[in-house]
Amino acid sequence: IINTNQVVCFGEDIVISARLKYPHAITLNGTHATLTADKASAYIGDTVTLSSSMENGYALGRYTTDINITWVDANSFIMPEAPVAVGNTAIAAKSLPYFEGFEDGNTQDAVIADWLQQSDYGDASRVASSTKTDYNRTPYAGSSWNATLKYYNTDWLFQALALEAGENYVLSLYARQDYENTSSANITAALGT
């Protein structure tokens, strides 16, 4: 018989097991940012939503955690059965004029430095290359490096730029592919906050 918070047993031995559910702490450690969460602690399975206020001259790269978690979207995760420390990557806004030739800070076949990447399709990221020239990967004139992406992948590159409201800006870029049918590749440039 279960009565309120008491269990009353009659007769034979009875084994009762219970799993206690208690909240785990969420610790926030911002890099060039003030991070906030919609709760200071959460129970396993709760959705935790994050927000950030970046220091002037920096953009949020992405949130990071000290343990593996399940992300709902870029700003929310499912609380695991453990405390979670949340941090972030910060991207310093580049001043204009800005030129990227992928020469600085890159290593052959490593993910390109100083850019945030998001993959929409495929498991490859854009990597730096200065030596691979097959498949039409020779660097553009005047540069000894480029960023390449393996076929059957769709990736976005993000870069923070310091722009002023009311000013006109010109963007130019160079891209190529290893296939004569130009409909096999799409290039999109977008501006957002």
N, C-alpha and C. Protein backbone atom coordinates (compact mmCIF):
# COMPACT_ATOMS: atom_id res chain seq x y z
N ILE A 1 0.87 -1.17 0.00
CA ILE A 1 0.00 0.00 0.00
C ILE A 1 0.91 1.22 0.00
N ILE A 2 0.64 2.12 -0.92
CA ILE A 2 1.39 3.37 -0.95
C ILE A 2 0.45 4.46 -0.48
N ASN A 3 0.83 5.14 0.57
CA ASN A 3 0.00 6.19 1.16
C ASN A 3 0.84 7.45 1.32
N THR A 4 0.52 8.48 0.58
CA THR A 4 1.28 9.74 0.52
C THR A 4 2.74 9.43 0.28
N ASN A 5 3.61 9.73 1.21
CA ASN A 5 5.05 9.49 1.03
C ASN A 5 5.52 8.25 1.78
N GLN A 6 4.60 7.39 2.19
CA GLN A 6 4.97 6.20 2.94
C GLN A 6 4.62 4.94 2.16
N VAL A 7 5.44 3.93 2.31
CA VAL A 7 5.16 2.62 1.74
C VAL A 7 4.94 1.67 2.91
N VAL A 8 3.78 1.03 2.95
CA VAL A 8 3.46 0.10 4.03
C VAL A 8 3.47 -1.29 3.43
N CYS A 9 4.26 -2.21 4.00
CA CYS A 9 4.40 -3.56 3.46
C CYS A 9 3.79 -4.57 4.41
N PHE A 10 3.03 -5.51 3.87
CA PHE A 10 2.45 -6.59 4.65
C PHE A 10 2.99 -7.91 4.11
N GLY A 11 3.35 -8.82 4.93
CA GLY A 11 3.70 -10.15 4.49
C GLY A 11 5.15 -10.30 4.07
N GLU A 12 5.35 -10.84 2.84
CA GLU A 12 6.66 -11.21 2.33
C GLU A 12 7.59 -10.00 2.20
N ASP A 13 8.90 -10.31 2.06
CA ASP A 13 9.89 -9.25 1.83
C ASP A 13 9.62 -8.59 0.49
N ILE A 14 9.75 -7.31 0.43
CA ILE A 14 9.53 -6.54 -0.80
C ILE A 14 10.76 -5.68 -1.06
N VAL A 15 11.20 -5.68 -2.31
CA VAL A 15 12.33 -4.84 -2.69
C VAL A 15 11.77 -3.66 -3.48
N ILE A 16 12.12 -2.49 -3.07
CA ILE A 16 11.66 -1.28 -3.73
C ILE A 16 12.89 -0.53 -4.22
N SER A 17 12.86 -0.14 -5.48
CA SER A 17 13.96 0.67 -5.99
C SER A 17 13.39 1.98 -6.50
N ALA A 18 14.18 2.99 -6.42
CA ALA A 18 13.75 4.31 -6.88
C ALA A 18 14.94 5.01 -7.51
N ARG A 19 14.64 5.81 -8.48
CA ARG A 19 15.68 6.64 -9.09
C ARG A 19 15.33 8.09 -8.81
N LEU A 20 16.18 8.72 -8.06
CA LEU A 20 15.93 10.11 -7.71
C LEU A 20 16.35 11.01 -8.85
N LYS A 21 15.54 11.98 -9.12
CA LYS A 21 15.83 12.93 -10.19
C LYS A 21 16.12 14.27 -9.54
N TYR A 22 17.28 14.82 -9.85
CA TYR A 22 17.63 16.11 -9.26
C TYR A 22 18.32 16.97 -10.32
N PRO A 23 18.27 18.27 -10.16
CA PRO A 23 18.83 19.16 -11.20
C PRO A 23 20.36 19.18 -11.16
N HIS A 24 20.93 19.40 -12.35
CA HIS A 24 22.38 19.55 -12.49
C HIS A 24 22.69 21.00 -12.84
N ALA A 25 23.84 21.47 -12.37
CA ALA A 25 24.24 22.87 -12.56
C ALA A 25 24.66 23.15 -14.00
N ILE A 26 24.41 24.37 -14.43
CA ILE A 26 24.86 24.88 -15.73
C ILE A 26 25.81 26.03 -15.43
N THR A 27 27.08 25.87 -15.80
CA THR A 27 28.10 26.88 -15.57
C THR A 27 28.38 27.60 -16.88
N LEU A 28 28.50 28.92 -16.83
CA LEU A 28 28.71 29.73 -18.03
C LEU A 28 30.05 30.44 -17.96
N ASN A 29 30.89 30.25 -18.98
CA ASN A 29 32.22 30.87 -19.06
C ASN A 29 32.40 31.47 -20.44
N GLY A 30 32.06 32.74 -20.61
CA GLY A 30 32.13 33.38 -21.91
C GLY A 30 33.52 33.85 -22.28
N THR A 31 33.84 33.77 -23.56
CA THR A 31 35.07 34.32 -24.12
C THR A 31 34.68 35.54 -24.94
N HIS A 32 35.09 36.72 -24.50
CA HIS A 32 34.68 37.99 -25.12
C HIS A 32 33.16 38.10 -25.18
N ALA A 33 32.49 37.53 -24.15
CA ALA A 33 31.03 37.50 -24.16
C ALA A 33 30.50 37.33 -22.75
N THR A 34 29.28 37.79 -22.55
CA THR A 34 28.51 37.45 -21.36
C THR A 34 27.47 36.44 -21.81
N LEU A 35 27.55 35.24 -21.26
CA LEU A 35 26.63 34.18 -21.63
C LEU A 35 25.52 34.07 -20.59
N THR A 36 24.32 33.78 -21.04
CA THR A 36 23.20 33.55 -20.14
C THR A 36 22.46 32.29 -20.56
N ALA A 37 21.86 31.64 -19.58
CA ALA A 37 21.01 30.46 -19.82
C ALA A 37 19.67 30.76 -19.19
N ASP A 38 18.62 30.17 -19.73
CA ASP A 38 17.29 30.43 -19.19
C ASP A 38 17.05 29.76 -17.84
N LYS A 39 18.02 28.96 -17.38
CA LYS A 39 17.95 28.37 -16.04
C LYS A 39 19.37 28.12 -15.54
N ALA A 40 19.53 28.18 -14.21
CA ALA A 40 20.85 27.96 -13.60
C ALA A 40 21.15 26.48 -13.42
N SER A 41 20.10 25.67 -13.34
CA SER A 41 20.24 24.22 -13.25
C SER A 41 19.04 23.61 -13.95
N ALA A 42 19.18 22.34 -14.35
CA ALA A 42 18.10 21.69 -15.09
C ALA A 42 18.11 20.20 -14.81
N TYR A 43 16.94 19.60 -14.98
CA TYR A 43 16.78 18.16 -14.84
C TYR A 43 17.12 17.49 -16.17
N ILE A 44 17.52 16.24 -16.11
CA ILE A 44 17.79 15.49 -17.32
C ILE A 44 16.58 15.55 -18.25
N GLY A 45 16.82 15.84 -19.51
CA GLY A 45 15.75 15.94 -20.50
C GLY A 45 15.17 17.33 -20.69
N ASP A 46 15.47 18.25 -19.77
CA ASP A 46 14.99 19.63 -19.94
C ASP A 46 15.71 20.30 -21.10
N THR A 47 15.04 21.23 -21.76
CA THR A 47 15.68 22.04 -22.80
C THR A 47 16.25 23.29 -22.16
N VAL A 48 17.51 23.57 -22.43
CA VAL A 48 18.20 24.75 -21.92
C VAL A 48 18.48 25.67 -23.10
N THR A 49 18.07 26.93 -22.98
CA THR A 49 18.26 27.90 -24.06
C THR A 49 19.31 28.92 -23.64
N LEU A 50 20.27 29.15 -24.53
CA LEU A 50 21.39 30.06 -24.27
C LEU A 50 21.24 31.35 -25.06
N SER A 51 21.86 32.40 -24.54
CA SER A 51 21.98 33.66 -25.29
C SER A 51 23.31 34.28 -24.93
N SER A 52 23.75 35.22 -25.76
CA SER A 52 25.05 35.85 -25.52
C SER A 52 24.99 37.33 -25.83
N SER A 53 25.82 38.06 -25.14
CA SER A 53 26.05 39.48 -25.42
C SER A 53 27.55 39.60 -25.66
N MET A 54 27.92 39.83 -26.92
CA MET A 54 29.34 39.83 -27.28
C MET A 54 29.99 41.18 -27.01
N GLU A 55 31.27 41.16 -26.66
CA GLU A 55 32.04 42.40 -26.53
C GLU A 55 32.11 43.08 -27.89
N ASN A 56 32.24 44.38 -27.88
CA ASN A 56 32.36 45.14 -29.12
C ASN A 56 33.55 44.63 -29.92
N GLY A 57 33.33 44.38 -31.22
CA GLY A 57 34.40 43.90 -32.09
C GLY A 57 34.47 42.39 -32.21
N TYR A 58 33.53 41.67 -31.58
CA TYR A 58 33.52 40.21 -31.65
C TYR A 58 32.14 39.71 -32.04
N ALA A 59 32.12 38.58 -32.71
CA ALA A 59 30.88 37.90 -33.06
C ALA A 59 30.92 36.50 -32.45
N LEU A 60 29.75 35.98 -32.12
CA LEU A 60 29.66 34.63 -31.58
C LEU A 60 29.98 33.63 -32.67
N GLY A 61 30.94 32.76 -32.41
CA GLY A 61 31.22 31.67 -33.32
C GLY A 61 30.22 30.55 -33.09
N ARG A 62 30.29 29.93 -31.93
CA ARG A 62 29.32 28.89 -31.53
C ARG A 62 29.50 28.64 -30.04
N TYR A 63 28.49 28.01 -29.47
CA TYR A 63 28.59 27.59 -28.07
C TYR A 63 29.36 26.29 -28.00
N THR A 64 30.07 26.10 -26.90
CA THR A 64 30.83 24.88 -26.66
C THR A 64 30.43 24.33 -25.29
N THR A 65 30.63 23.03 -25.08
CA THR A 65 30.37 22.43 -23.77
C THR A 65 31.51 21.49 -23.41
N ASP A 66 31.64 21.24 -22.13
CA ASP A 66 32.72 20.38 -21.66
C ASP A 66 32.40 18.90 -21.77
N ILE A 67 31.14 18.55 -22.07
CA ILE A 67 30.75 17.16 -22.25
C ILE A 67 29.89 17.07 -23.51
N ASN A 68 29.72 15.86 -24.03
CA ASN A 68 28.86 15.66 -25.20
C ASN A 68 27.41 15.85 -24.81
N ILE A 69 26.70 16.66 -25.59
CA ILE A 69 25.29 16.91 -25.35
C ILE A 69 24.54 16.83 -26.66
N THR A 70 23.23 16.80 -26.58
CA THR A 70 22.37 16.81 -27.76
C THR A 70 21.87 18.23 -27.97
N TRP A 71 22.20 18.81 -29.13
CA TRP A 71 21.76 20.16 -29.45
C TRP A 71 20.40 20.11 -30.13
N VAL A 72 19.50 20.99 -29.72
CA VAL A 72 18.19 21.14 -30.36
C VAL A 72 18.34 22.04 -31.57
N ASP A 73 19.06 23.14 -31.39
CA ASP A 73 19.41 24.09 -32.44
C ASP A 73 20.68 24.79 -31.99
N ALA A 74 21.07 25.86 -32.66
CA ALA A 74 22.34 26.53 -32.35
C ALA A 74 22.37 27.15 -30.96
N ASN A 75 21.20 27.37 -30.35
CA ASN A 75 21.13 28.06 -29.06
C ASN A 75 20.51 27.23 -27.93
N SER A 76 20.13 25.98 -28.19
CA SER A 76 19.44 25.18 -27.18
C SER A 76 19.97 23.75 -27.17
N PHE A 77 20.02 23.17 -25.96
CA PHE A 77 20.45 21.77 -25.84
C PHE A 77 19.57 21.05 -24.83
N ILE A 78 19.64 19.72 -24.88
CA ILE A 78 18.92 18.86 -23.94
C ILE A 78 19.87 18.57 -22.76
N MET A 79 19.40 18.84 -21.56
CA MET A 79 20.23 18.64 -20.37
C MET A 79 20.52 17.16 -20.17
N PRO A 80 21.82 16.80 -20.06
CA PRO A 80 22.18 15.41 -19.79
C PRO A 80 22.10 15.13 -18.28
N GLU A 81 22.48 13.95 -17.90
CA GLU A 81 22.47 13.58 -16.49
C GLU A 81 23.83 13.90 -15.86
N ALA A 82 24.23 15.16 -16.00
CA ALA A 82 25.51 15.62 -15.46
C ALA A 82 25.54 17.15 -15.54
N PRO A 83 26.35 17.78 -14.71
CA PRO A 83 26.53 19.22 -14.84
C PRO A 83 27.15 19.56 -16.20
N VAL A 84 26.86 20.75 -16.72
CA VAL A 84 27.38 21.18 -18.02
C VAL A 84 28.04 22.55 -17.86
N ALA A 85 29.27 22.65 -18.37
CA ALA A 85 29.96 23.94 -18.45
C ALA A 85 29.85 24.42 -19.90
N VAL A 86 29.29 25.60 -20.08
CA VAL A 86 29.07 26.16 -21.41
C VAL A 86 30.07 27.30 -21.64
N GLY A 87 30.70 27.28 -22.80
CA GLY A 87 31.60 28.35 -23.21
C GLY A 87 31.22 28.77 -24.62
N ASN A 88 32.11 29.45 -25.28
CA ASN A 88 31.85 29.87 -26.66
C ASN A 88 33.15 30.14 -27.39
N THR A 89 33.08 30.12 -28.71
CA THR A 89 34.17 30.63 -29.52
C THR A 89 33.77 32.02 -29.97
N ALA A 90 34.73 32.90 -30.06
CA ALA A 90 34.49 34.27 -30.49
C ALA A 90 35.32 34.56 -31.73
N ILE A 91 34.72 35.25 -32.66
CA ILE A 91 35.42 35.62 -33.89
C ILE A 91 35.63 37.13 -33.86
N ALA A 92 36.90 37.54 -33.93
CA ALA A 92 37.20 38.98 -33.95
C ALA A 92 36.77 39.55 -35.29
N ALA A 93 36.02 40.65 -35.25
CA ALA A 93 35.55 41.28 -36.48
C ALA A 93 36.74 41.85 -37.24
N LYS A 94 36.79 41.58 -38.53
CA LYS A 94 37.85 42.08 -39.39
C LYS A 94 37.51 43.50 -39.83
N SER A 95 38.53 44.33 -39.94
CA SER A 95 38.32 45.69 -40.44
C SER A 95 38.46 45.69 -41.96
N LEU A 96 37.97 46.73 -42.58
CA LEU A 96 37.99 46.85 -44.04
C LEU A 96 39.09 47.80 -44.47
N PRO A 97 39.67 47.64 -45.63
CA PRO A 97 39.40 46.58 -46.59
C PRO A 97 39.92 45.25 -46.06
N TYR A 98 39.22 44.18 -46.43
CA TYR A 98 39.54 42.84 -45.96
C TYR A 98 39.82 41.94 -47.15
N PHE A 99 40.93 41.23 -47.10
CA PHE A 99 41.29 40.28 -48.15
C PHE A 99 41.60 38.94 -47.49
N GLU A 100 41.08 37.88 -48.06
CA GLU A 100 41.38 36.54 -47.56
C GLU A 100 41.93 35.69 -48.69
N GLY A 101 43.16 35.28 -48.55
CA GLY A 101 43.78 34.40 -49.53
C GLY A 101 44.15 33.06 -48.91
N PHE A 102 43.81 32.90 -47.62
CA PHE A 102 44.05 31.68 -46.86
C PHE A 102 45.53 31.38 -46.66
N GLU A 103 46.39 32.42 -46.77
CA GLU A 103 47.82 32.23 -46.58
C GLU A 103 48.22 32.20 -45.11
N ASP A 104 47.52 32.96 -44.27
CA ASP A 104 47.94 33.14 -42.88
C ASP A 104 47.29 32.13 -41.94
N GLY A 105 48.12 31.46 -41.15
CA GLY A 105 47.64 30.59 -40.10
C GLY A 105 47.12 29.24 -40.53
N ASN A 106 47.30 28.86 -41.77
CA ASN A 106 46.77 27.59 -42.24
C ASN A 106 47.85 26.54 -42.40
N THR A 107 47.44 25.29 -42.30
CA THR A 107 48.30 24.13 -42.47
C THR A 107 47.68 23.23 -43.53
N GLN A 108 48.52 22.67 -44.36
CA GLN A 108 48.05 21.80 -45.44
C GLN A 108 47.06 20.75 -44.93
N ASP A 109 45.90 20.67 -45.60
CA ASP A 109 44.84 19.69 -45.33
C ASP A 109 44.17 19.83 -43.97
N ALA A 110 44.41 20.93 -43.26
CA ALA A 110 43.72 21.18 -41.99
C ALA A 110 42.53 22.11 -42.25
N VAL A 111 41.53 22.03 -41.40
CA VAL A 111 40.37 22.92 -41.53
C VAL A 111 40.87 24.36 -41.53
N ILE A 112 40.34 25.18 -42.43
CA ILE A 112 40.85 26.54 -42.58
C ILE A 112 40.71 27.32 -41.28
N ALA A 113 41.74 28.10 -40.99
CA ALA A 113 41.82 28.84 -39.74
C ALA A 113 41.00 30.13 -39.81
N ASP A 114 40.52 30.55 -38.64
CA ASP A 114 39.89 31.85 -38.45
C ASP A 114 38.56 32.02 -39.19
N TRP A 115 37.90 30.94 -39.51
CA TRP A 115 36.57 30.97 -40.12
C TRP A 115 35.68 30.00 -39.38
N LEU A 116 34.42 30.34 -39.26
CA LEU A 116 33.44 29.41 -38.72
C LEU A 116 32.80 28.70 -39.89
N GLN A 117 32.67 27.38 -39.80
CA GLN A 117 32.06 26.59 -40.87
C GLN A 117 30.83 25.89 -40.33
N GLN A 118 29.84 25.77 -41.20
CA GLN A 118 28.64 24.99 -40.87
C GLN A 118 28.35 24.09 -42.06
N SER A 119 28.19 22.81 -41.79
CA SER A 119 27.93 21.85 -42.85
C SER A 119 26.43 21.59 -42.95
N ASP A 120 25.90 21.74 -44.16
CA ASP A 120 24.50 21.41 -44.41
C ASP A 120 24.37 20.01 -45.01
N TYR A 121 25.40 19.54 -45.67
CA TYR A 121 25.35 18.22 -46.29
C TYR A 121 26.76 17.68 -46.43
N GLY A 122 26.94 16.42 -46.12
CA GLY A 122 28.24 15.79 -46.22
C GLY A 122 29.02 15.90 -44.92
N ASP A 123 30.13 15.18 -44.85
CA ASP A 123 30.90 15.14 -43.61
C ASP A 123 32.26 15.83 -43.72
N ALA A 124 32.53 16.50 -44.82
CA ALA A 124 33.83 17.18 -45.00
C ALA A 124 33.70 18.66 -44.69
N SER A 125 34.82 19.26 -44.30
CA SER A 125 34.91 20.70 -44.08
C SER A 125 35.87 21.28 -45.11
N ARG A 126 35.81 22.58 -45.30
CA ARG A 126 36.78 23.22 -46.18
C ARG A 126 38.15 23.16 -45.52
N VAL A 127 39.14 22.74 -46.29
CA VAL A 127 40.50 22.63 -45.78
C VAL A 127 41.44 23.50 -46.60
N ALA A 128 42.55 23.86 -45.99
CA ALA A 128 43.56 24.68 -46.66
C ALA A 128 44.44 23.80 -47.53
N SER A 129 44.83 24.36 -48.68
CA SER A 129 45.71 23.62 -49.57
C SER A 129 46.64 24.57 -50.30
N SER A 130 47.90 24.19 -50.35
CA SER A 130 48.87 24.94 -51.15
C SER A 130 49.61 24.02 -52.10
N THR A 131 49.47 22.72 -51.92
CA THR A 131 50.24 21.78 -52.73
C THR A 131 49.39 20.95 -53.68
N LYS A 132 48.12 20.78 -53.38
CA LYS A 132 47.27 19.95 -54.24
C LYS A 132 46.72 20.78 -55.39
N THR A 133 47.06 20.37 -56.59
CA THR A 133 46.61 21.11 -57.78
C THR A 133 45.75 20.26 -58.70
N ASP A 134 45.57 18.99 -58.35
CA ASP A 134 44.69 18.16 -59.18
C ASP A 134 43.23 18.59 -58.95
N TYR A 135 42.34 18.11 -59.77
CA TYR A 135 40.92 18.44 -59.68
C TYR A 135 40.67 19.96 -59.70
N ASN A 136 41.47 20.68 -60.48
CA ASN A 136 41.30 22.12 -60.65
C ASN A 136 41.45 22.88 -59.32
N ARG A 137 42.39 22.47 -58.49
CA ARG A 137 42.59 23.10 -57.19
C ARG A 137 43.82 24.00 -57.12
N THR A 138 44.35 24.41 -58.26
CA THR A 138 45.48 25.33 -58.24
C THR A 138 45.05 26.64 -57.61
N PRO A 139 45.82 27.18 -56.65
CA PRO A 139 45.44 28.45 -56.04
C PRO A 139 45.30 29.56 -57.08
N TYR A 140 44.44 30.51 -56.79
CA TYR A 140 44.18 31.65 -57.66
C TYR A 140 45.45 32.48 -57.82
N ALA A 141 45.57 33.16 -58.96
CA ALA A 141 46.75 33.98 -59.25
C ALA A 141 47.06 34.94 -58.11
N GLY A 142 48.31 35.01 -57.71
CA GLY A 142 48.74 35.92 -56.66
C GLY A 142 48.67 35.32 -55.27
N SER A 143 48.13 34.14 -55.16
CA SER A 143 48.01 33.48 -53.86
C SER A 143 48.67 32.11 -53.95
N SER A 144 49.17 31.64 -52.83
CA SER A 144 49.76 30.31 -52.83
C SER A 144 48.90 29.32 -52.06
N TRP A 145 47.74 29.76 -51.55
CA TRP A 145 46.84 28.91 -50.78
C TRP A 145 45.42 29.07 -51.30
N ASN A 146 44.60 28.08 -51.00
CA ASN A 146 43.16 28.20 -51.22
C ASN A 146 42.43 27.31 -50.23
N ALA A 147 41.10 27.40 -50.25
CA ALA A 147 40.27 26.56 -49.39
C ALA A 147 39.47 25.64 -50.29
N THR A 148 39.59 24.35 -50.07
CA THR A 148 38.91 23.39 -50.93
C THR A 148 37.88 22.60 -50.13
N LEU A 149 36.87 22.14 -50.85
CA LEU A 149 35.81 21.33 -50.25
C LEU A 149 35.59 20.10 -51.10
N LYS A 150 35.57 18.95 -50.48
CA LYS A 150 35.37 17.69 -51.19
C LYS A 150 33.99 17.66 -51.84
N TYR A 151 33.91 16.99 -52.98
CA TYR A 151 32.65 16.88 -53.71
C TYR A 151 31.55 16.26 -52.83
N TYR A 152 30.30 16.52 -53.20
CA TYR A 152 29.11 16.06 -52.48
C TYR A 152 29.05 16.59 -51.06
N ASN A 153 29.43 17.84 -50.88
CA ASN A 153 29.33 18.51 -49.58
C ASN A 153 28.74 19.90 -49.79
N THR A 154 28.01 20.36 -48.83
CA THR A 154 27.47 21.72 -48.83
C THR A 154 27.88 22.35 -47.51
N ASP A 155 28.70 23.37 -47.56
CA ASP A 155 29.19 24.04 -46.36
C ASP A 155 29.05 25.55 -46.49
N TRP A 156 28.83 26.18 -45.35
CA TRP A 156 28.82 27.64 -45.25
C TRP A 156 30.08 28.09 -44.52
N LEU A 157 30.64 29.20 -44.96
CA LEU A 157 31.75 29.85 -44.25
C LEU A 157 31.23 31.17 -43.67
N PHE A 158 31.60 31.45 -42.43
CA PHE A 158 31.17 32.68 -41.77
C PHE A 158 32.38 33.49 -41.34
N GLN A 159 32.31 34.79 -41.55
CA GLN A 159 33.36 35.70 -41.13
C GLN A 159 32.72 36.97 -40.58
N ALA A 160 33.24 37.47 -39.47
CA ALA A 160 32.74 38.71 -38.88
C ALA A 160 33.49 39.90 -39.47
N LEU A 161 32.74 40.88 -39.95
CA LEU A 161 33.32 42.10 -40.51
C LEU A 161 32.76 43.31 -39.78
N ALA A 162 33.58 44.31 -39.56
CA ALA A 162 33.14 45.55 -38.92
C ALA A 162 32.62 46.49 -40.01
N LEU A 163 31.29 46.60 -40.13
CA LEU A 163 30.66 47.44 -41.14
C LEU A 163 29.96 48.62 -40.47
N GLU A 164 29.76 49.68 -41.24
CA GLU A 164 29.06 50.85 -40.73
C GLU A 164 27.74 51.02 -41.46
N ALA A 165 26.71 51.35 -40.72
CA ALA A 165 25.38 51.55 -41.31
C ALA A 165 25.42 52.71 -42.30
N GLY A 166 24.70 52.59 -43.39
CA GLY A 166 24.59 53.65 -44.38
C GLY A 166 25.73 53.69 -45.39
N GLU A 167 26.70 52.81 -45.26
CA GLU A 167 27.83 52.76 -46.19
C GLU A 167 27.58 51.70 -47.26
N ASN A 168 28.11 51.92 -48.46
CA ASN A 168 28.05 50.93 -49.53
C ASN A 168 29.34 50.12 -49.53
N TYR A 169 29.21 48.83 -49.77
CA TYR A 169 30.36 47.94 -49.78
C TYR A 169 30.33 47.08 -51.04
N VAL A 170 31.51 46.69 -51.52
CA VAL A 170 31.62 45.83 -52.69
C VAL A 170 32.29 44.53 -52.26
N LEU A 171 31.71 43.42 -52.68
CA LEU A 171 32.26 42.10 -52.39
C LEU A 171 32.66 41.45 -53.71
N SER A 172 33.85 40.91 -53.76
CA SER A 172 34.24 40.12 -54.92
C SER A 172 34.90 38.85 -54.40
N LEU A 173 34.69 37.80 -55.15
CA LEU A 173 35.29 36.53 -54.76
C LEU A 173 35.59 35.72 -55.99
N TYR A 174 36.41 34.71 -55.81
CA TYR A 174 36.82 33.83 -56.90
C TYR A 174 36.54 32.40 -56.46
N ALA A 175 35.90 31.65 -57.31
CA ALA A 175 35.61 30.25 -57.02
C ALA A 175 35.67 29.46 -58.32
N ARG A 176 35.95 28.19 -58.20
CA ARG A 176 35.94 27.31 -59.37
C ARG A 176 35.66 25.89 -58.91
N GLN A 177 35.36 25.04 -59.89
CA GLN A 177 35.05 23.64 -59.60
C GLN A 177 35.72 22.75 -60.62
N ASP A 178 35.73 21.47 -60.33
CA ASP A 178 36.34 20.51 -61.22
C ASP A 178 35.27 19.76 -62.01
N TYR A 179 34.52 20.50 -62.77
CA TYR A 179 33.50 19.88 -63.61
C TYR A 179 33.00 20.95 -64.55
N GLU A 180 32.82 20.61 -65.81
CA GLU A 180 32.43 21.63 -66.79
C GLU A 180 30.99 22.09 -66.64
N ASN A 181 30.14 21.31 -65.98
CA ASN A 181 28.75 21.71 -65.78
C ASN A 181 28.68 22.62 -64.56
N THR A 182 28.52 23.92 -64.77
CA THR A 182 28.55 24.89 -63.67
C THR A 182 27.35 24.78 -62.75
N SER A 183 26.33 24.02 -63.14
CA SER A 183 25.19 23.86 -62.24
C SER A 183 25.51 22.89 -61.10
N SER A 184 26.69 22.29 -61.12
CA SER A 184 27.08 21.35 -60.06
C SER A 184 27.57 22.06 -58.81
N ALA A 185 27.75 23.36 -58.88
CA ALA A 185 28.20 24.11 -57.71
C ALA A 185 27.40 25.41 -57.61
N ASN A 186 27.10 25.80 -56.39
CA ASN A 186 26.39 27.06 -56.13
C ASN A 186 27.20 27.88 -55.15
N ILE A 187 27.31 29.17 -55.41
CA ILE A 187 27.99 30.09 -54.52
C ILE A 187 26.97 31.14 -54.07
N THR A 188 26.86 31.34 -52.77
CA THR A 188 25.95 32.34 -52.22
C THR A 188 26.73 33.21 -51.26
N ALA A 189 26.58 34.52 -51.37
CA ALA A 189 27.14 35.46 -50.40
C ALA A 189 25.96 36.11 -49.70
N ALA A 190 26.01 36.17 -48.38
CA ALA A 190 24.89 36.73 -47.63
C ALA A 190 25.41 37.60 -46.50
N LEU A 191 24.60 38.55 -46.09
CA LEU A 191 24.94 39.45 -45.00
C LEU A 191 23.91 39.26 -43.91
N GLY A 192 24.33 39.12 -42.69
CA GLY A 192 23.41 38.94 -41.58
C GLY A 192 24.01 39.42 -40.28
N THR A 193 23.23 39.34 -39.24
CA THR A 193 23.70 39.75 -37.92
C THR A 193 23.67 38.58 -36.96
